[in-house]
Amino acid sequence: MVAFFKATEVHLRSIRSASGGGKQRNPNRSKGAKSQEALRVANVAGKHRHTDQKQACKKHELYVSFRDLGWQDWIIAPEGYAAYYCEGECAFPLNSYMNATNHAIVQTLVHFVNPESVPKPCCAPTQLHAISVLYFDDSSNVILKKYRNMVVRACGCH
């Protein structure tokens, strides 16, 4: 099976034999089968598009308070930070706003065709930023350290 993706459109095509064999196909049957398959995929894609937009993979609010974690004795500043998190569906069809990898696009299509064979891709951070933390080390020295990959900036399907 071959798939072509363009924004929200998906076109499916059956595998063709390489032998050719000189056989002529019935053009009316071929057009009808293609039309029915295209209509089926369009209907399914349309249904998924409507329901998944509400639950699609996206960034959500999450504030981490160092006091709530019991770290207020050694972290001087900040008191906490906006960490965010990623959650949501990575369902067929994956739209451009879902920031999906090529692998996730193919995995979604395989899952759509045969859900038991492979799970849907996962919603995960695609871009993370650092925060600076002022804290006491084990020797009671004041340290300023930049911690990488602490704040979710963008989410996508992987």
C-alpha atoms as a PDB file:
ATOM      1  CA  MET A   1       0.000   0.000   0.000  1.00  0.00           C
ATOM      2  CA  VAL A   2       1.311   3.466  -0.871  1.00  0.00           C
ATOM      3  CA  ALA A   3       0.114   6.657   0.834  1.00  0.00           C
ATOM      4  CA  PHE A   4       0.456  10.265  -0.293  1.00  0.00           C
ATOM      5  CA  PHE A   5      -0.040  13.045   2.265  1.00  0.00           C
ATOM      6  CA  LYS A   6      -0.949  16.646   1.595  1.00  0.00           C
ATOM      7  CA  ALA A   7      -2.068  18.732   4.580  1.00  0.00           C
ATOM      8  CA  THR A   8      -5.342  16.987   5.526  1.00  0.00           C
ATOM      9  CA  GLU A   9      -5.754  14.806   2.426  1.00  0.00           C
ATOM     10  CA  VAL A  10      -4.746  11.153   2.276  1.00  0.00           C
ATOM     11  CA  HIS A  11      -4.768   9.137  -0.935  1.00  0.00           C
ATOM     12  CA  LEU A  12      -4.370   5.360  -0.767  1.00  0.00           C
ATOM     13  CA  ARG A  13      -3.259   3.199  -3.663  1.00  0.00           C
ATOM     14  CA  SER A  14      -3.101  -0.602  -3.875  1.00  0.00           C
ATOM     15  CA  ILE A  15       0.132  -2.386  -4.731  1.00  0.00           C
ATOM     16  CA  ARG A  16       0.297  -3.229  -8.407  1.00  0.00           C
ATOM     17  CA  SER A  17       1.853  -6.301  -9.952  1.00  0.00           C
ATOM     18  CA  ALA A  18       5.168  -5.744 -11.749  1.00  0.00           C
ATOM     19  CA  SER A  19       4.448  -8.491 -14.301  1.00  0.00           C
ATOM     20  CA  GLY A  20       1.959  -6.537 -16.425  1.00  0.00           C
ATOM     21  CA  GLY A  21       0.835  -9.808 -18.062  1.00  0.00           C
ATOM     22  CA  GLY A  22      -0.934  -8.060 -20.955  1.00  0.00           C
ATOM     23  CA  LYS A  23      -4.295  -8.186 -19.169  1.00  0.00           C
ATOM     24  CA  GLN A  24      -6.572  -5.213 -19.602  1.00  0.00           C
ATOM     25  CA  ARG A  25      -8.481  -4.112 -16.531  1.00  0.00           C
ATOM     26  CA  ASN A  26     -12.085  -3.097 -16.704  1.00  0.00           C
ATOM     27  CA  PRO A  27     -11.799   0.732 -16.565  1.00  0.00           C
ATOM     28  CA  ASN A  28     -15.302   1.147 -15.095  1.00  0.00           C
ATOM     29  CA  ARG A  29     -14.595  -1.309 -12.289  1.00  0.00           C
ATOM     30  CA  SER A  30     -11.268   0.341 -11.530  1.00  0.00           C
ATOM     31  CA  LYS A  31     -12.772   3.842 -11.364  1.00  0.00           C
ATOM     32  CA  GLY A  32     -15.617   2.637  -9.152  1.00  0.00           C
ATOM     33  CA  ALA A  33     -13.294   0.840  -6.746  1.00  0.00           C
ATOM     34  CA  LYS A  34     -10.989   3.867  -6.568  1.00  0.00           C
ATOM     35  CA  SER A  35     -13.925   6.197  -5.992  1.00  0.00           C
ATOM     36  CA  GLN A  36     -15.359   4.007  -3.231  1.00  0.00           C
ATOM     37  CA  GLU A  37     -11.979   3.696  -1.481  1.00  0.00           C
ATOM     38  CA  ALA A  38     -11.326   7.437  -1.757  1.00  0.00           C
ATOM     39  CA  LEU A  39     -14.796   8.179  -0.407  1.00  0.00           C
ATOM     40  CA  ARG A  40     -14.316   5.726   2.485  1.00  0.00           C
ATOM     41  CA  VAL A  41     -10.957   7.257   3.437  1.00  0.00           C
ATOM     42  CA  ALA A  42     -12.345  10.796   3.113  1.00  0.00           C
ATOM     43  CA  ASN A  43     -15.324   9.925   5.323  1.00  0.00           C
ATOM     44  CA  VAL A  44     -13.143   8.320   7.983  1.00  0.00           C
ATOM     45  CA  ALA A  45     -10.633  11.181   7.829  1.00  0.00           C
ATOM     46  CA  GLY A  46     -13.441  13.721   8.131  1.00  0.00           C
ATOM     47  CA  LYS A  47     -14.908  11.964  11.178  1.00  0.00           C
ATOM     48  CA  HIS A  48     -11.493  11.715  12.859  1.00  0.00           C
ATOM     49  CA  ARG A  49     -10.596  15.326  12.023  1.00  0.00           C
ATOM     50  CA  HIS A  50     -13.716  16.646  13.764  1.00  0.00           C
ATOM     51  CA  THR A  51     -13.334  14.637  16.984  1.00  0.00           C
ATOM     52  CA  ASP A  52      -9.532  14.701  17.269  1.00  0.00           C
ATOM     53  CA  GLN A  53      -9.128  18.474  17.038  1.00  0.00           C
ATOM     54  CA  LYS A  54     -10.561  18.791  20.562  1.00  0.00           C
ATOM     55  CA  GLN A  55      -8.226  16.091  21.907  1.00  0.00           C
ATOM     56  CA  ALA A  56      -5.242  16.513  19.582  1.00  0.00           C
ATOM     57  CA  CYS A  57      -1.682  16.453  20.860  1.00  0.00           C
ATOM     58  CA  LYS A  58      -0.864  19.852  22.361  1.00  0.00           C
ATOM     59  CA  LYS A  59       0.911  21.692  25.168  1.00  0.00           C
ATOM     60  CA  HIS A  60      -0.910  22.046  28.506  1.00  0.00           C
ATOM     61  CA  GLU A  61      -0.307  24.222  31.569  1.00  0.00           C
ATOM     62  CA  LEU A  62       1.811  22.827  34.410  1.00  0.00           C
ATOM     63  CA  TYR A  63       3.387  24.927  37.146  1.00  0.00           C
ATOM     64  CA  VAL A  64       6.028  23.151  39.226  1.00  0.00           C
ATOM     65  CA  SER A  65       6.377  24.529  42.758  1.00  0.00           C
ATOM     66  CA  PHE A  66       9.671  23.596  44.400  1.00  0.00           C
ATOM     67  CA  ARG A  67       7.960  24.020  47.803  1.00  0.00           C
ATOM     68  CA  ASP A  68       5.359  21.391  46.837  1.00  0.00           C
ATOM     69  CA  LEU A  69       8.238  19.028  45.984  1.00  0.00           C
ATOM     70  CA  GLY A  70       9.896  19.712  49.358  1.00  0.00           C
ATOM     71  CA  TRP A  71      12.923  21.353  47.727  1.00  0.00           C
ATOM     72  CA  GLN A  72      12.529  24.822  49.286  1.00  0.00           C
ATOM     73  CA  ASP A  73      15.439  24.168  51.721  1.00  0.00           C
ATOM     74  CA  TRP A  74      18.064  23.921  49.001  1.00  0.00           C
ATOM     75  CA  ILE A  75      16.597  25.842  46.027  1.00  0.00           C
ATOM     76  CA  ILE A  76      16.889  29.597  46.563  1.00  0.00           C
ATOM     77  CA  ALA A  77      15.286  30.783  43.329  1.00  0.00           C
ATOM     78  CA  PRO A  78      13.013  30.515  41.511  1.00  0.00           C
ATOM     79  CA  GLU A  79      10.185  29.317  43.726  1.00  0.00           C
ATOM     80  CA  GLY A  80       8.890  27.323  40.785  1.00  0.00           C
ATOM     81  CA  TYR A  81       8.466  27.499  37.037  1.00  0.00           C
ATOM     82  CA  ALA A  82       6.005  26.926  34.195  1.00  0.00           C
ATOM     83  CA  ALA A  83       7.087  23.481  32.941  1.00  0.00           C
ATOM     84  CA  TYR A  84       4.070  22.595  30.732  1.00  0.00           C
ATOM     85  CA  TYR A  85       3.429  19.059  29.474  1.00  0.00           C
ATOM     86  CA  CYS A  86       2.237  17.344  26.280  1.00  0.00           C
ATOM     87  CA  GLU A  87      -0.954  15.343  26.044  1.00  0.00           C
ATOM     88  CA  GLY A  88      -3.489  14.357  23.426  1.00  0.00           C
ATOM     89  CA  GLU A  89      -4.269  12.051  20.532  1.00  0.00           C
ATOM     90  CA  CYS A  90      -2.013  11.349  17.594  1.00  0.00           C
ATOM     91  CA  ALA A  91      -4.789   9.931  15.435  1.00  0.00           C
ATOM     92  CA  PHE A  92      -5.350   9.483  11.716  1.00  0.00           C
ATOM     93  CA  PRO A  93      -4.919  11.738   9.815  1.00  0.00           C
ATOM     94  CA  LEU A  94      -1.989  13.621  11.352  1.00  0.00           C
ATOM     95  CA  ASN A  95      -2.332  17.259  10.329  1.00  0.00           C
ATOM     96  CA  SER A  96       0.532  19.693   9.849  1.00  0.00           C
ATOM     97  CA  TYR A  97      -0.247  21.501  13.118  1.00  0.00           C
ATOM     98  CA  MET A  98       0.495  18.270  15.025  1.00  0.00           C
ATOM     99  CA  ASN A  99       4.233  18.680  14.343  1.00  0.00           C
ATOM    100  CA  ALA A 100       4.554  14.959  13.559  1.00  0.00           C
ATOM    101  CA  THR A 101       7.691  13.143  12.486  1.00  0.00           C
ATOM    102  CA  ASN A 102       7.667  11.221   9.203  1.00  0.00           C
ATOM    103  CA  HIS A 103       7.875   8.027  11.244  1.00  0.00           C
ATOM    104  CA  ALA A 104       4.754   9.014  13.215  1.00  0.00           C
ATOM    105  CA  ILE A 105       2.850   9.706   9.979  1.00  0.00           C
ATOM    106  CA  VAL A 106       3.645   6.232   8.641  1.00  0.00           C
ATOM    107  CA  GLN A 107       2.958   4.606  12.033  1.00  0.00           C
ATOM    108  CA  THR A 108      -0.439   6.328  12.166  1.00  0.00           C
ATOM    109  CA  LEU A 109      -1.320   5.026   8.723  1.00  0.00           C
ATOM    110  CA  VAL A 110      -0.263   1.466   9.646  1.00  0.00           C
ATOM    111  CA  HIS A 111      -2.298   1.731  12.872  1.00  0.00           C
ATOM    112  CA  PHE A 112      -5.308   2.991  10.897  1.00  0.00           C
ATOM    113  CA  VAL A 113      -5.112   0.037   8.489  1.00  0.00           C
ATOM    114  CA  ASN A 114      -4.388  -2.572  11.191  1.00  0.00           C
ATOM    115  CA  PRO A 115      -4.845  -1.267  14.780  1.00  0.00           C
ATOM    116  CA  GLU A 116      -3.686  -4.538  16.373  1.00  0.00           C
ATOM    117  CA  SER A 117      -0.298  -4.478  14.625  1.00  0.00           C
ATOM    118  CA  VAL A 118       1.098  -1.234  16.045  1.00  0.00           C
ATOM    119  CA  PRO A 119      -0.074   1.452  18.514  1.00  0.00           C
ATOM    120  CA  LYS A 120      -0.739   5.091  17.651  1.00  0.00           C
ATOM    121  CA  PRO A 121       2.237   7.449  17.889  1.00  0.00           C
ATOM    122  CA  CYS A 122       2.739   9.255  21.203  1.00  0.00           C
ATOM    123  CA  CYS A 123       2.301  12.920  22.032  1.00  0.00           C
ATOM    124  CA  ALA A 124       5.651  14.195  23.328  1.00  0.00           C
ATOM    125  CA  PRO A 125       7.733  17.370  23.607  1.00  0.00           C
ATOM    126  CA  THR A 126       9.447  18.388  20.368  1.00  0.00           C
ATOM    127  CA  GLN A 127      11.107  21.519  21.713  1.00  0.00           C
ATOM    128  CA  LEU A 128      12.403  22.093  25.244  1.00  0.00           C
ATOM    129  CA  HIS A 129      14.092  25.109  26.848  1.00  0.00           C
ATOM    130  CA  ALA A 130      16.309  25.619  29.884  1.00  0.00           C
ATOM    131  CA  ILE A 131      15.768  27.316  33.227  1.00  0.00           C
ATOM    132  CA  SER A 132      18.346  28.808  35.600  1.00  0.00           C
ATOM    133  CA  VAL A 133      18.263  27.704  39.233  1.00  0.00           C
ATOM    134  CA  LEU A 134      20.036  29.272  42.193  1.00  0.00           C
ATOM    135  CA  TYR A 135      20.629  26.672  44.917  1.00  0.00           C
ATOM    136  CA  PHE A 136      22.822  25.511  47.814  1.00  0.00           C
ATOM    137  CA  ASP A 137      25.138  22.577  47.078  1.00  0.00           C
ATOM    138  CA  ASP A 138      26.143  19.923  49.669  1.00  0.00           C
ATOM    139  CA  SER A 139      28.844  22.260  51.048  1.00  0.00           C
ATOM    140  CA  SER A 140      26.361  25.158  51.454  1.00  0.00           C
ATOM    141  CA  ASN A 141      27.886  27.043  48.506  1.00  0.00           C
ATOM    142  CA  VAL A 142      25.472  29.115  46.425  1.00  0.00           C
ATOM    143  CA  ILE A 143      25.413  27.813  42.845  1.00  0.00           C
ATOM    144  CA  LEU A 144      23.724  29.216  39.748  1.00  0.00           C
ATOM    145  CA  LYS A 145      23.137  26.458  37.215  1.00  0.00           C
ATOM    146  CA  LYS A 146      21.311  26.335  33.904  1.00  0.00           C
ATOM    147  CA  TYR A 147      19.255  23.132  33.562  1.00  0.00           C
ATOM    148  CA  ARG A 148      18.574  22.148  29.979  1.00  0.00           C
ATOM    149  CA  ASN A 149      15.308  20.616  28.696  1.00  0.00           C
ATOM    150  CA  MET A 150      13.108  21.749  31.582  1.00  0.00           C
ATOM    151  CA  VAL A 151      10.353  23.739  29.842  1.00  0.00           C
ATOM    152  CA  VAL A 152       8.136  22.334  27.083  1.00  0.00           C
ATOM    153  CA  ARG A 153       7.913  24.856  24.233  1.00  0.00           C
ATOM    154  CA  ALA A 154       6.223  22.642  21.624  1.00  0.00           C
ATOM    155  CA  CYS A 155       4.577  19.225  21.355  1.00  0.00           C
ATOM    156  CA  GLY A 156       4.210  16.786  18.503  1.00  0.00           C
ATOM    157  CA  CYS A 157       3.518  13.201  17.541  1.00  0.00           C
ATOM    158  CA  HIS A 158       6.399  10.707  17.709  1.00  0.00           C
END
